[in-house]
Structure formats: C-alpha cells, structure tokens
Amino acid sequence: MPDVPAYYLMGTETDKKTNKPKEHSLDLLKIAKEKGLDGLDLHYGGITEDFAKQVFGANLKLYTWTVDDPNEAKRLKGFGVTGITTNKPDLMLEVLK
C-alpha cells in the first residue's frame, strides 16, 4: 500500500523499580526504516525530546497516543510530534492552539 502511510505501533514499558515509563528504544527507528514504514505511533510515556529528535533525524514521522493530559500534550507539541491521538479532542485542540 504505497499510497497509504504505515506506522509501527508500540506501547511503553515501565521500569519495575520506579514504576515510571522507560524511554522508547532507538531500535524502533531501525525497525521502521528496515520495513519501509513512514514512522512510529507510540505511547506518549516513553517519548523524550532526545528520542523525538532521533526520529525526525531518521526522516520518520512520530505520532503518539493516548494523550488526554494538557501538560503532556504541551510537552509533546514542544518536541514537534507529528500528531496526537486523544479521547478529549475539544480540550486538546484548545490547549494546542
């Protein structure tokens, strides 16, 4: 389906000791490139500014899900994510103006 963009979908792992999200692995970029995908569609918890820069440096797009917290949306917007999936579209549209 060359005319339909395709993305690698992945959740976020949690550190068992701290119960905090782990940063996504840069191996995901390699997988996306090897498979000829257009980018990544990842749970927001593992996205850091450095990770986002690496994704964009690899010429991939970065979508994130499911962001319902305005502060998280602002953080991710600051990283330049391509798009945000949310259960609260009215709130997110207002916050991200």
PDB file of N, CA and C in Angstrom:
ATOM      1  N   MET A   1       0.831  -1.190   0.000  1.00  0.00           N
ATOM      2  CA  MET A   1       0.000   0.000   0.000  1.00  0.00           C
ATOM      3  C   MET A   1       0.874   1.252   0.000  1.00  0.00           C
ATOM      4  N   PRO A   2       1.581   1.493  -1.069  1.00  0.00           N
ATOM      5  CA  PRO A   2       2.496   2.631  -1.086  1.00  0.00           C
ATOM      6  C   PRO A   2       1.815   3.990  -0.918  1.00  0.00           C
ATOM      7  N   ASP A   3       0.524   4.101  -1.266  1.00  0.00           N
ATOM      8  CA  ASP A   3      -0.168   5.383  -1.136  1.00  0.00           C
ATOM      9  C   ASP A   3      -0.763   5.608   0.249  1.00  0.00           C
ATOM     10  N   VAL A   4      -0.707   4.596   1.089  1.00  0.00           N
ATOM     11  CA  VAL A   4      -1.255   4.705   2.445  1.00  0.00           C
ATOM     12  C   VAL A   4      -0.098   4.636   3.438  1.00  0.00           C
ATOM     13  N   PRO A   5       0.140   5.715   4.202  1.00  0.00           N
ATOM     14  CA  PRO A   5       1.236   5.679   5.175  1.00  0.00           C
ATOM     15  C   PRO A   5       1.037   4.559   6.197  1.00  0.00           C
ATOM     16  N   ALA A   6       2.136   3.973   6.620  1.00  0.00           N
ATOM     17  CA  ALA A   6       2.098   2.902   7.621  1.00  0.00           C
ATOM     18  C   ALA A   6       3.073   3.235   8.745  1.00  0.00           C
ATOM     19  N   TYR A   7       2.653   2.949   9.982  1.00  0.00           N
ATOM     20  CA  TYR A   7       3.434   3.301  11.163  1.00  0.00           C
ATOM     21  C   TYR A   7       3.587   2.097  12.077  1.00  0.00           C
ATOM     22  N   TYR A   8       4.696   2.053  12.795  1.00  0.00           N
ATOM     23  CA  TYR A   8       4.947   0.991  13.763  1.00  0.00           C
ATOM     24  C   TYR A   8       4.305   1.399  15.087  1.00  0.00           C
ATOM     25  N   LEU A   9       3.406   0.571  15.596  1.00  0.00           N
ATOM     26  CA  LEU A   9       2.665   0.860  16.821  1.00  0.00           C
ATOM     27  C   LEU A   9       3.310   0.149  18.008  1.00  0.00           C
ATOM     28  N   MET A  10       3.525   0.903  19.110  1.00  0.00           N
ATOM     29  CA  MET A  10       4.186   0.314  20.277  1.00  0.00           C
ATOM     30  C   MET A  10       3.741   1.036  21.544  1.00  0.00           C
ATOM     31  N   GLY A  11       3.550   0.265  22.591  1.00  0.00           N
ATOM     32  CA  GLY A  11       3.253   0.821  23.906  1.00  0.00           C
ATOM     33  C   GLY A  11       4.538   1.229  24.606  1.00  0.00           C
ATOM     34  N   THR A  12       4.435   1.564  25.871  1.00  0.00           N
ATOM     35  CA  THR A  12       5.591   1.974  26.664  1.00  0.00           C
ATOM     36  C   THR A  12       5.852   0.954  27.757  1.00  0.00           C
ATOM     37  N   GLU A  13       7.117   0.569  27.896  1.00  0.00           N
ATOM     38  CA  GLU A  13       7.499  -0.307  29.005  1.00  0.00           C
ATOM     39  C   GLU A  13       7.634   0.528  30.274  1.00  0.00           C
ATOM     40  N   THR A  14       7.397  -0.102  31.408  1.00  0.00           N
ATOM     41  CA  THR A  14       7.509   0.574  32.701  1.00  0.00           C
ATOM     42  C   THR A  14       8.656  -0.029  33.497  1.00  0.00           C
ATOM     43  N   ASP A  15       9.449   0.849  34.114  1.00  0.00           N
ATOM     44  CA  ASP A  15      10.525   0.392  34.985  1.00  0.00           C
ATOM     45  C   ASP A  15       9.898  -0.258  36.214  1.00  0.00           C
ATOM     46  N   LYS A  16      10.254  -1.490  36.488  1.00  0.00           N
ATOM     47  CA  LYS A  16       9.634  -2.231  37.594  1.00  0.00           C
ATOM     48  C   LYS A  16       9.981  -1.660  38.966  1.00  0.00           C
ATOM     49  N   LYS A  17      11.137  -1.022  39.087  1.00  0.00           N
ATOM     50  CA  LYS A  17      11.541  -0.462  40.380  1.00  0.00           C
ATOM     51  C   LYS A  17      10.878   0.885  40.657  1.00  0.00           C
ATOM     52  N   THR A  18      10.833   1.742  39.639  1.00  0.00           N
ATOM     53  CA  THR A  18      10.311   3.095  39.842  1.00  0.00           C
ATOM     54  C   THR A  18       8.858   3.253  39.403  1.00  0.00           C
ATOM     55  N   ASN A  19       8.373   2.298  38.630  1.00  0.00           N
ATOM     56  CA  ASN A  19       7.024   2.338  38.058  1.00  0.00           C
ATOM     57  C   ASN A  19       6.837   3.517  37.105  1.00  0.00           C
ATOM     58  N   LYS A  20       7.950   4.035  36.562  1.00  0.00           N
ATOM     59  CA  LYS A  20       7.903   5.136  35.602  1.00  0.00           C
ATOM     60  C   LYS A  20       8.136   4.588  34.201  1.00  0.00           C
ATOM     61  N   PRO A  21       7.614   5.290  33.190  1.00  0.00           N
ATOM     62  CA  PRO A  21       7.810   4.826  31.817  1.00  0.00           C
ATOM     63  C   PRO A  21       9.284   4.851  31.423  1.00  0.00           C
ATOM     64  N   LYS A  22       9.677   3.852  30.650  1.00  0.00           N
ATOM     65  CA  LYS A  22      11.032   3.817  30.099  1.00  0.00           C
ATOM     66  C   LYS A  22      11.029   4.533  28.753  1.00  0.00           C
ATOM     67  N   GLU A  23      12.144   5.182  28.439  1.00  0.00           N
ATOM     68  CA  GLU A  23      12.272   5.809  27.128  1.00  0.00           C
ATOM     69  C   GLU A  23      12.207   4.726  26.054  1.00  0.00           C
ATOM     70  N   HIS A  24      11.526   5.046  24.953  1.00  0.00           N
ATOM     71  CA  HIS A  24      11.452   4.100  23.844  1.00  0.00           C
ATOM     72  C   HIS A  24      12.850   3.819  23.299  1.00  0.00           C
ATOM     73  N   SER A  25      13.048   2.614  22.840  1.00  0.00           N
ATOM     74  CA  SER A  25      14.336   2.188  22.301  1.00  0.00           C
ATOM     75  C   SER A  25      14.551   2.759  20.901  1.00  0.00           C
ATOM     76  N   LEU A  26      15.775   3.173  20.634  1.00  0.00           N
ATOM     77  CA  LEU A  26      16.118   3.649  19.296  1.00  0.00           C
ATOM     78  C   LEU A  26      16.073   2.518  18.275  1.00  0.00           C
ATOM     79  N   ASP A  27      15.997   1.277  18.745  1.00  0.00           N
ATOM     80  CA  ASP A  27      15.837   0.138  17.833  1.00  0.00           C
ATOM     81  C   ASP A  27      14.548   0.269  17.020  1.00  0.00           C
ATOM     82  N   LEU A  28      13.571   0.985  17.544  1.00  0.00           N
ATOM     83  CA  LEU A  28      12.314   1.172  16.821  1.00  0.00           C
ATOM     84  C   LEU A  28      12.534   1.924  15.513  1.00  0.00           C
ATOM     85  N   LEU A  29      13.482   2.843  15.501  1.00  0.00           N
ATOM     86  CA  LEU A  29      13.802   3.578  14.282  1.00  0.00           C
ATOM     87  C   LEU A  29      14.363   2.634  13.230  1.00  0.00           C
ATOM     88  N   LYS A  30      15.247   1.759  13.670  1.00  0.00           N
ATOM     89  CA  LYS A  30      15.853   0.781  12.766  1.00  0.00           C
ATOM     90  C   LYS A  30      14.778  -0.130  12.170  1.00  0.00           C
ATOM     91  N   ILE A  31      13.865  -0.596  13.010  1.00  0.00           N
ATOM     92  CA  ILE A  31      12.781  -1.466  12.541  1.00  0.00           C
ATOM     93  C   ILE A  31      11.934  -0.737  11.498  1.00  0.00           C
ATOM     94  N   ALA A  32      11.551   0.499  11.810  1.00  0.00           N
ATOM     95  CA  ALA A  32      10.710   1.270  10.888  1.00  0.00           C
ATOM     96  C   ALA A  32      11.413   1.484   9.551  1.00  0.00           C
ATOM     97  N   LYS A  33      12.693   1.814   9.593  1.00  0.00           N
ATOM     98  CA  LYS A  33      13.453   2.041   8.358  1.00  0.00           C
ATOM     99  C   LYS A  33      13.594   0.749   7.558  1.00  0.00           C
ATOM    100  N   GLU A  34      13.948  -0.341   8.230  1.00  0.00           N
ATOM    101  CA  GLU A  34      14.137  -1.622   7.544  1.00  0.00           C
ATOM    102  C   GLU A  34      12.855  -2.102   6.873  1.00  0.00           C
ATOM    103  N   LYS A  35      11.722  -1.826   7.486  1.00  0.00           N
ATOM    104  CA  LYS A  35      10.441  -2.291   6.948  1.00  0.00           C
ATOM    105  C   LYS A  35       9.826  -1.297   5.966  1.00  0.00           C
ATOM    106  N   GLY A  36      10.481  -0.154   5.780  1.00  0.00           N
ATOM    107  CA  GLY A  36       9.978   0.847   4.846  1.00  0.00           C
ATOM    108  C   GLY A  36       8.744   1.588   5.344  1.00  0.00           C
ATOM    109  N   LEU A  37       8.619   1.704   6.668  1.00  0.00           N
ATOM    110  CA  LEU A  37       7.476   2.395   7.259  1.00  0.00           C
ATOM    111  C   LEU A  37       7.680   3.907   7.226  1.00  0.00           C
ATOM    112  N   ASP A  38       6.582   4.631   7.381  1.00  0.00           N
ATOM    113  CA  ASP A  38       6.639   6.091   7.352  1.00  0.00           C
ATOM    114  C   ASP A  38       6.990   6.704   8.699  1.00  0.00           C
ATOM    115  N   GLY A  39       6.843   5.921   9.758  1.00  0.00           N
ATOM    116  CA  GLY A  39       7.159   6.456  11.071  1.00  0.00           C
ATOM    117  C   GLY A  39       6.703   5.553  12.191  1.00  0.00           C
ATOM    118  N   LEU A  40       6.589   6.168  13.368  1.00  0.00           N
ATOM    119  CA  LEU A  40       6.238   5.457  14.591  1.00  0.00           C
ATOM    120  C   LEU A  40       4.956   6.038  15.178  1.00  0.00           C
ATOM    121  N   ASP A  41       4.171   5.190  15.817  1.00  0.00           N
ATOM    122  CA  ASP A  41       2.959   5.604  16.527  1.00  0.00           C
ATOM    123  C   ASP A  41       3.067   4.997  17.924  1.00  0.00           C
ATOM    124  N   LEU A  42       3.534   5.811  18.870  1.00  0.00           N
ATOM    125  CA  LEU A  42       3.958   5.300  20.171  1.00  0.00           C
ATOM    126  C   LEU A  42       3.170   5.890  21.335  1.00  0.00           C
ATOM    127  N   HIS A  43       3.078   5.103  22.404  1.00  0.00           N
ATOM    128  CA  HIS A  43       2.507   5.626  23.642  1.00  0.00           C
ATOM    129  C   HIS A  43       3.386   6.784  24.107  1.00  0.00           C
ATOM    130  N   TYR A  44       2.747   7.841  24.555  1.00  0.00           N
ATOM    131  CA  TYR A  44       3.462   9.073  24.887  1.00  0.00           C
ATOM    132  C   TYR A  44       4.457   8.947  26.029  1.00  0.00           C
ATOM    133  N   GLY A  45       4.240   8.008  26.944  1.00  0.00           N
ATOM    134  CA  GLY A  45       5.063   7.931  28.148  1.00  0.00           C
ATOM    135  C   GLY A  45       6.542   7.721  27.901  1.00  0.00           C
ATOM    136  N   GLY A  46       6.888   7.082  26.797  1.00  0.00           N
ATOM    137  CA  GLY A  46       8.290   6.784  26.520  1.00  0.00           C
ATOM    138  C   GLY A  46       8.965   7.751  25.567  1.00  0.00           C
ATOM    139  N   ILE A  47       8.271   8.835  25.219  1.00  0.00           N
ATOM    140  CA  ILE A  47       8.834   9.797  24.273  1.00  0.00           C
ATOM    141  C   ILE A  47       9.546  10.905  25.037  1.00  0.00           C
ATOM    142  N   THR A  48      10.820  11.067  24.747  1.00  0.00           N
ATOM    143  CA  THR A  48      11.622  12.160  25.303  1.00  0.00           C
ATOM    144  C   THR A  48      11.999  13.100  24.165  1.00  0.00           C
ATOM    145  N   GLU A  49      12.498  14.255  24.520  1.00  0.00           N
ATOM    146  CA  GLU A  49      12.920  15.209  23.494  1.00  0.00           C
ATOM    147  C   GLU A  49      14.028  14.613  22.631  1.00  0.00           C
ATOM    148  N   ASP A  50      14.990  13.955  23.258  1.00  0.00           N
ATOM    149  CA  ASP A  50      16.084  13.352  22.506  1.00  0.00           C
ATOM    150  C   ASP A  50      15.568  12.263  21.566  1.00  0.00           C
ATOM    151  N   PHE A  51      14.648  11.442  22.054  1.00  0.00           N
ATOM    152  CA  PHE A  51      14.091  10.385  21.212  1.00  0.00           C
ATOM    153  C   PHE A  51      13.396  10.998  19.995  1.00  0.00           C
ATOM    154  N   ALA A  52      12.584  12.035  20.219  1.00  0.00           N
ATOM    155  CA  ALA A  52      11.879  12.688  19.110  1.00  0.00           C
ATOM    156  C   ALA A  52      12.872  13.238  18.086  1.00  0.00           C
ATOM    157  N   LYS A  53      13.945  13.855  18.549  1.00  0.00           N
ATOM    158  CA  LYS A  53      14.967  14.378  17.628  1.00  0.00           C
ATOM    159  C   LYS A  53      15.567  13.265  16.787  1.00  0.00           C
ATOM    160  N   GLN A  54      15.803  12.118  17.405  1.00  0.00           N
ATOM    161  CA  GLN A  54      16.361  10.969  16.680  1.00  0.00           C
ATOM    162  C   GLN A  54      15.377  10.475  15.612  1.00  0.00           C
ATOM    163  N   VAL A  55      14.099  10.439  15.956  1.00  0.00           N
ATOM    164  CA  VAL A  55      13.072  10.007  14.995  1.00  0.00           C
ATOM    165  C   VAL A  55      13.065  10.944  13.791  1.00  0.00           C
ATOM    166  N   PHE A  56      13.020  12.237  14.046  1.00  0.00           N
ATOM    167  CA  PHE A  56      12.971  13.200  12.952  1.00  0.00           C
ATOM    168  C   PHE A  56      14.274  13.219  12.163  1.00  0.00           C
ATOM    169  N   GLY A  57      15.394  12.984  12.856  1.00  0.00           N
ATOM    170  CA  GLY A  57      16.686  12.891  12.178  1.00  0.00           C
ATOM    171  C   GLY A  57      16.766  11.701  11.235  1.00  0.00           C
ATOM    172  N   ALA A  58      15.965  10.677  11.508  1.00  0.00           N
ATOM    173  CA  ALA A  58      15.899   9.489  10.648  1.00  0.00           C
ATOM    174  C   ALA A  58      14.847   9.671   9.549  1.00  0.00           C
ATOM    175  N   ASN A  59      14.304  10.886   9.450  1.00  0.00           N
ATOM    176  CA  ASN A  59      13.303  11.217   8.430  1.00  0.00           C
ATOM    177  C   ASN A  59      12.028  10.382   8.582  1.00  0.00           C
ATOM    178  N   LEU A  60      11.624  10.166   9.830  1.00  0.00           N
ATOM    179  CA  LEU A  60      10.396   9.437  10.137  1.00  0.00           C
ATOM    180  C   LEU A  60       9.410  10.386  10.813  1.00  0.00           C
ATOM    181  N   LYS A  61       8.145  10.058  10.739  1.00  0.00           N
ATOM    182  CA  LYS A  61       7.114  10.819  11.442  1.00  0.00           C
ATOM    183  C   LYS A  61       6.875  10.177  12.804  1.00  0.00           C
ATOM    184  N   LEU A  62       6.357  10.978  13.735  1.00  0.00           N
ATOM    185  CA  LEU A  62       6.133  10.494  15.095  1.00  0.00           C
ATOM    186  C   LEU A  62       4.739  10.891  15.579  1.00  0.00           C
ATOM    187  N   TYR A  63       3.878   9.887  15.678  1.00  0.00           N
ATOM    188  CA  TYR A  63       2.550  10.060  16.254  1.00  0.00           C
ATOM    189  C   TYR A  63       2.561   9.470  17.657  1.00  0.00           C
ATOM    190  N   THR A  64       1.668   9.962  18.502  1.00  0.00           N
ATOM    191  CA  THR A  64       1.625   9.475  19.876  1.00  0.00           C
ATOM    192  C   THR A  64       0.183   9.318  20.357  1.00  0.00           C
ATOM    193  N   TRP A  65      -0.003   8.389  21.280  1.00  0.00           N
ATOM    194  CA  TRP A  65      -1.337   8.075  21.801  1.00  0.00           C
ATOM    195  C   TRP A  65      -1.242   7.794  23.283  1.00  0.00           C
ATOM    196  N   THR A  66      -2.234   7.631  23.984  1.00  0.00           N
ATOM    197  CA  THR A  66      -3.472   8.367  24.018  1.00  0.00           C
ATOM    198  C   THR A  66      -3.268   9.479  25.034  1.00  0.00           C
ATOM    199  N   VAL A  67      -3.161  10.689  24.521  1.00  0.00           N
ATOM    200  CA  VAL A  67      -2.801  11.845  25.342  1.00  0.00           C
ATOM    201  C   VAL A  67      -4.065  12.616  25.718  1.00  0.00           C
ATOM    202  N   ASP A  68      -4.432  12.549  26.989  1.00  0.00           N
ATOM    203  CA  ASP A  68      -5.603  13.270  27.487  1.00  0.00           C
ATOM    204  C   ASP A  68      -5.230  14.353  28.495  1.00  0.00           C
ATOM    205  N   ASP A  69      -3.964  14.421  28.848  1.00  0.00           N
ATOM    206  CA  ASP A  69      -3.481  15.392  29.830  1.00  0.00           C
ATOM    207  C   ASP A  69      -2.923  16.614  29.089  1.00  0.00           C
ATOM    208  N   PRO A  70      -3.450  17.813  29.367  1.00  0.00           N
ATOM    209  CA  PRO A  70      -2.987  19.015  28.680  1.00  0.00           C
ATOM    210  C   PRO A  70      -1.483  19.265  28.815  1.00  0.00           C
ATOM    211  N   ASN A  71      -0.918  18.991  29.988  1.00  0.00           N
ATOM    212  CA  ASN A  71       0.519  19.213  30.171  1.00  0.00           C
ATOM    213  C   ASN A  71       1.344  18.269  29.306  1.00  0.00           C
ATOM    214  N   GLU A  72       0.897  17.026  29.188  1.00  0.00           N
ATOM    215  CA  GLU A  72       1.594  16.075  28.317  1.00  0.00           C
ATOM    216  C   GLU A  72       1.481  16.519  26.861  1.00  0.00           C
ATOM    217  N   ALA A  73       0.316  17.002  26.476  1.00  0.00           N
ATOM    218  CA  ALA A  73       0.120  17.470  25.103  1.00  0.00           C
ATOM    219  C   ALA A  73       1.070  18.626  24.788  1.00  0.00           C
ATOM    220  N   LYS A  74       1.205  19.564  25.710  1.00  0.00           N
ATOM    221  CA  LYS A  74       2.117  20.694  25.512  1.00  0.00           C
ATOM    222  C   LYS A  74       3.563  20.216  25.424  1.00  0.00           C
ATOM    223  N   ARG A  75       3.919  19.269  26.282  1.00  0.00           N
ATOM    224  CA  ARG A  75       5.284  18.725  26.277  1.00  0.00           C
ATOM    225  C   ARG A  75       5.587  18.102  24.916  1.00  0.00           C
ATOM    226  N   LEU A  76       4.670  17.290  24.426  1.00  0.00           N
ATOM    227  CA  LEU A  76       4.875  16.597  23.158  1.00  0.00           C
ATOM    228  C   LEU A  76       4.860  17.564  21.978  1.00  0.00           C
ATOM    229  N   LYS A  77       4.011  18.569  22.038  1.00  0.00           N
ATOM    230  CA  LYS A  77       3.997  19.593  20.992  1.00  0.00           C
ATOM    231  C   LYS A  77       5.363  20.268  20.922  1.00  0.00           C
ATOM    232  N   GLY A  78       5.951  20.522  22.087  1.00  0.00           N
ATOM    233  CA  GLY A  78       7.277  21.124  22.138  1.00  0.00           C
ATOM    234  C   GLY A  78       8.350  20.268  21.487  1.00  0.00           C
ATOM    235  N   PHE A  79       8.135  18.971  21.461  1.00  0.00           N
ATOM    236  CA  PHE A  79       9.082  18.056  20.813  1.00  0.00           C
ATOM    237  C   PHE A  79       8.853  17.998  19.309  1.00  0.00           C
ATOM    238  N   GLY A  80       7.715  18.545  18.847  1.00  0.00           N
ATOM    239  CA  GLY A  80       7.422  18.555  17.417  1.00  0.00           C
ATOM    240  C   GLY A  80       6.739  17.313  16.883  1.00  0.00           C
ATOM    241  N   VAL A  81       6.050  16.549  17.761  1.00  0.00           N
ATOM    242  CA  VAL A  81       5.398  15.328  17.278  1.00  0.00           C
ATOM    243  C   VAL A  81       4.489  15.644  16.096  1.00  0.00           C
ATOM    244  N   THR A  82       4.351  14.678  15.215  1.00  0.00           N
ATOM    245  CA  THR A  82       3.560  14.837  14.007  1.00  0.00           C
ATOM    246  C   THR A  82       2.071  14.905  14.318  1.00  0.00           C
ATOM    247  N   GLY A  83       1.635  14.122  15.306  1.00  0.00           N
ATOM    248  CA  GLY A  83       0.223  14.104  15.666  1.00  0.00           C
ATOM    249  C   GLY A  83      -0.005  13.459  17.014  1.00  0.00           C
ATOM    250  N   ILE A  84      -1.146  13.798  17.612  1.00  0.00           N
ATOM    251  CA  ILE A  84      -1.521  13.285  18.929  1.00  0.00           C
ATOM    252  C   ILE A  84      -2.910  12.661  18.834  1.00  0.00           C
ATOM    253  N   THR A  85      -3.051  11.449  19.349  1.00  0.00           N
ATOM    254  CA  THR A  85      -4.355  10.793  19.463  1.00  0.00           C
ATOM    255  C   THR A  85      -4.860  11.020  20.886  1.00  0.00           C
ATOM    256  N   THR A  86      -6.149  11.374  20.997  1.00  0.00           N
ATOM    257  CA  THR A  86      -6.712  11.711  22.302  1.00  0.00           C
ATOM    258  C   THR A  86      -8.171  11.279  22.405  1.00  0.00           C
ATOM    259  N   ASN A  87      -8.636  11.124  23.626  1.00  0.00           N
ATOM    260  CA  ASN A  87     -10.055  10.903  23.903  1.00  0.00           C
ATOM    261  C   ASN A  87     -10.766  12.225  24.190  1.00  0.00           C
ATOM    262  N   LYS A  88      -9.984  13.311  24.241  1.00  0.00           N
ATOM    263  CA  LYS A  88     -10.525  14.626  24.597  1.00  0.00           C
ATOM    264  C   LYS A  88     -10.169  15.651  23.519  1.00  0.00           C
ATOM    265  N   PRO A  89     -10.733  15.500  22.319  1.00  0.00           N
ATOM    266  CA  PRO A  89     -10.333  16.368  21.216  1.00  0.00           C
ATOM    267  C   PRO A  89     -10.600  17.851  21.449  1.00  0.00           C
ATOM    268  N   ASP A  90     -11.729  18.203  22.039  1.00  0.00           N
ATOM    269  CA  ASP A  90     -12.023  19.623  22.265  1.00  0.00           C
ATOM    270  C   ASP A  90     -10.980  20.265  23.169  1.00  0.00           C
ATOM    271  N   LEU A  91     -10.641  19.586  24.253  1.00  0.00           N
ATOM    272  CA  LEU A  91      -9.640  20.093  25.185  1.00  0.00           C
ATOM    273  C   LEU A  91      -8.274  20.193  24.513  1.00  0.00           C
ATOM    274  N   MET A  92      -7.879  19.154  23.793  1.00  0.00           N
ATOM    275  CA  MET A  92      -6.560  19.153  23.155  1.00  0.00           C
ATOM    276  C   MET A  92      -6.457  20.237  22.087  1.00  0.00           C
ATOM    277  N   LEU A  93      -7.511  20.418  21.300  1.00  0.00           N
ATOM    278  CA  LEU A  93      -7.486  21.469  20.279  1.00  0.00           C
ATOM    279  C   LEU A  93      -7.330  22.843  20.919  1.00  0.00           C
ATOM    280  N   GLU A  94      -7.985  23.056  22.045  1.00  0.00           N
ATOM    281  CA  GLU A  94      -7.865  24.334  22.749  1.00  0.00           C
ATOM    282  C   GLU A  94      -6.454  24.513  23.308  1.00  0.00           C
ATOM    283  N   VAL A  95      -5.930  23.490  23.922  1.00  0.00           N
ATOM    284  CA  VAL A  95      -4.602  23.546  24.546  1.00  0.00           C
ATOM    285  C   VAL A  95      -3.498  23.719  23.502  1.00  0.00           C
ATOM    286  N   LEU A  96      -3.660  23.109  22.352  1.00  0.00           N
ATOM    287  CA  LEU A  96      -2.586  23.079  21.357  1.00  0.00           C
ATOM    288  C   LEU A  96      -2.653  24.215  20.338  1.00  0.00           C
ATOM    289  N   LYS A  97      -3.557  25.164  20.531  1.00  0.00           N
ATOM    290  CA  LYS A  97      -3.659  26.313  19.613  1.00  0.00           C
ATOM    291  C   LYS A  97      -2.375  27.088  19.579  1.00  0.00           C
TER     292      LYS A  97
END
